[in-house]
Amino acid sequence: LHHIPDIEKALEEIYRVLKPNAKVILMFYHRNSARYQLYFRAQSIIKGKSLEKAVNENDGIGNPKAVAFTKKEMRSMLQNFNNVSINIDFLPPRDIILRGSQYFPKNIFKPLAKFFGWNMYIKAEKPND
């Protein structure tokens, strides 16, 4: 979903087609992640790219769009849903250690992933109208 031009419209459509009490599981990129705040900012300075372009290229050079959101923004976009839970995860060493991260264990920052991870995993439920 984070590659769709009009994400809010897509979420409205998901809501429309879901049956009452149906659950949805989504994944969006987390703007308050180490990857966004450290890695992409450093990459944009080092490579002379805009922050937006650095985020877009997370899934490959030439990727036309990728968007990262805060938890607050996601809660606002999902305000029609009930029981919204958001979990943050996925924090590889390269998101924090820009050089030499391959020499660190992959799970070294696992305890911090729930705060600074790149992926937001969201569960929500359509209310019983």
Protein backbone atom coordinates (compact mmCIF):
# COMPACT_ATOMS: atom_id res chain seq x y z
CA LEU A 1 0.00 0.00 0.00
CA HIS A 2 2.86 2.42 0.64
CA HIS A 3 3.51 2.48 -3.14
CA ILE A 4 -0.03 3.54 -4.13
CA PRO A 5 -0.44 7.20 -5.17
CA ASP A 6 -3.59 7.80 -3.07
CA ILE A 7 -3.21 5.73 0.08
CA GLU A 8 -6.15 7.29 1.89
CA LYS A 9 -8.47 6.42 -0.99
CA ALA A 10 -7.12 2.85 -0.99
CA LEU A 11 -7.80 2.56 2.75
CA GLU A 12 -11.33 3.88 2.23
CA GLU A 13 -11.88 1.20 -0.41
CA ILE A 14 -10.53 -1.51 1.87
CA TYR A 15 -12.93 -0.31 4.56
CA ARG A 16 -15.84 -0.27 2.10
CA VAL A 17 -15.36 -3.86 0.90
CA LEU A 18 -14.70 -5.40 4.31
CA LYS A 19 -17.59 -7.14 5.98
CA PRO A 20 -18.56 -5.93 9.48
CA ASN A 21 -16.19 -7.30 12.14
CA ALA A 22 -13.67 -8.27 9.45
CA LYS A 23 -10.01 -7.80 10.32
CA VAL A 24 -7.32 -6.28 8.19
CA ILE A 25 -3.54 -6.57 8.53
CA LEU A 26 -1.40 -3.87 6.91
CA MET A 27 2.27 -2.93 6.71
CA PHE A 28 3.57 0.58 6.22
CA TYR A 29 6.99 2.15 6.58
CA HIS A 30 7.68 3.95 9.87
CA ARG A 31 8.84 7.56 9.57
CA ASN A 32 10.24 7.65 13.10
CA SER A 33 12.47 4.68 12.35
CA ALA A 34 16.25 4.65 12.48
CA ARG A 35 16.23 3.87 8.76
CA TYR A 36 14.29 7.02 7.90
CA GLN A 37 15.82 9.39 10.47
CA LEU A 38 19.45 8.22 10.24
CA TYR A 39 20.13 6.02 7.23
CA PHE A 40 18.05 7.81 4.57
CA ARG A 41 19.09 11.26 5.80
CA ALA A 42 22.76 10.23 5.62
CA GLN A 43 22.24 8.67 2.18
CA SER A 44 20.55 11.81 0.89
CA ILE A 45 23.50 13.93 2.05
CA ILE A 46 26.20 11.51 0.85
CA LYS A 47 24.58 10.80 -2.53
CA GLY A 48 23.01 14.23 -3.04
CA LYS A 49 19.48 12.82 -3.33
CA SER A 50 16.33 14.17 -1.79
CA LEU A 51 15.04 12.36 1.27
CA GLU A 52 11.92 11.46 -0.71
CA LYS A 53 14.00 9.85 -3.46
CA ALA A 54 16.08 7.93 -0.90
CA VAL A 55 12.86 6.52 0.61
CA ASN A 56 11.45 5.71 -2.83
CA GLU A 57 14.58 3.75 -3.72
CA ASN A 58 14.32 1.59 -0.60
CA ASP A 59 12.59 -1.03 -2.77
CA GLY A 60 14.87 -0.54 -5.75
CA ILE A 61 16.26 2.24 -7.91
CA GLY A 62 13.52 3.62 -10.13
CA ASN A 63 10.75 2.76 -7.68
CA PRO A 64 8.26 5.60 -8.29
CA LYS A 65 6.85 5.98 -4.80
CA ALA A 66 7.27 4.88 -1.22
CA VAL A 67 5.84 6.69 1.77
CA ALA A 68 6.61 6.44 5.47
CA PHE A 69 4.14 7.44 8.18
CA THR A 70 4.16 8.12 11.89
CA LYS A 71 1.98 6.07 14.20
CA LYS A 72 -0.16 9.16 14.78
CA GLU A 73 -0.73 9.61 11.04
CA MET A 74 -1.70 5.94 10.67
CA ARG A 75 -4.16 6.13 13.55
CA SER A 76 -5.74 9.18 11.92
CA MET A 77 -6.05 7.43 8.54
CA LEU A 78 -7.59 4.38 10.23
CA GLN A 79 -9.99 6.32 12.46
CA ASN A 80 -13.03 4.46 11.05
CA PHE A 81 -11.62 1.13 12.22
CA ASN A 82 -11.84 -0.35 15.71
CA ASN A 83 -9.18 -2.15 17.75
CA VAL A 84 -6.29 -0.62 15.84
CA SER A 85 -2.96 -1.99 17.04
CA ILE A 86 0.37 -0.87 15.66
CA ASN A 87 3.61 -2.78 16.23
CA ILE A 88 6.99 -1.55 15.09
CA ASP A 89 9.71 -4.03 14.08
CA PHE A 90 12.68 -4.70 11.74
CA LEU A 91 15.83 -2.87 12.74
CA PRO A 92 18.90 -4.23 10.94
CA PRO A 93 22.32 -2.95 12.09
CA ARG A 94 22.86 -0.97 8.85
CA ASP A 95 20.03 1.37 9.86
CA ILE A 96 22.12 2.57 12.81
CA ILE A 97 25.72 1.69 11.91
CA LEU A 98 26.28 3.14 8.47
CA ARG A 99 29.72 1.59 7.91
CA GLY A 100 30.81 -1.87 8.98
CA SER A 101 27.34 -3.06 10.00
CA GLN A 102 28.01 -6.44 8.37
CA TYR A 103 30.37 -7.21 11.28
CA PHE A 104 27.59 -6.99 13.88
CA PRO A 105 25.06 -9.70 14.73
CA LYS A 106 21.80 -9.18 12.80
CA ASN A 107 19.70 -9.07 15.97
CA ILE A 108 21.95 -6.80 18.03
CA PHE A 109 19.36 -4.01 18.03
CA LYS A 110 16.30 -6.25 18.39
CA PRO A 111 15.33 -4.68 21.78
CA LEU A 112 15.16 -1.27 20.05
CA ALA A 113 13.15 -2.50 17.05
CA LYS A 114 9.81 -1.86 18.74
CA PHE A 115 10.72 1.83 18.91
CA PHE A 116 12.91 2.51 15.87
CA GLY A 117 12.08 -0.30 13.44
CA TRP A 118 11.33 0.35 9.77
CA ASN A 119 8.09 -1.61 9.47
CA MET A 120 4.76 -0.76 11.08
CA TYR A 121 2.52 -3.80 11.32
CA ILE A 122 -1.08 -2.77 11.80
CA LYS A 123 -4.12 -4.82 12.75
CA ALA A 124 -7.58 -3.27 12.68
CA GLU A 125 -11.20 -4.33 12.59
CA LYS A 126 -14.19 -2.92 10.75
CA PRO A 127 -16.93 -2.12 13.24
CA ASN A 128 -20.27 -3.88 13.16
CA ASP A 129 -22.35 -1.10 11.64
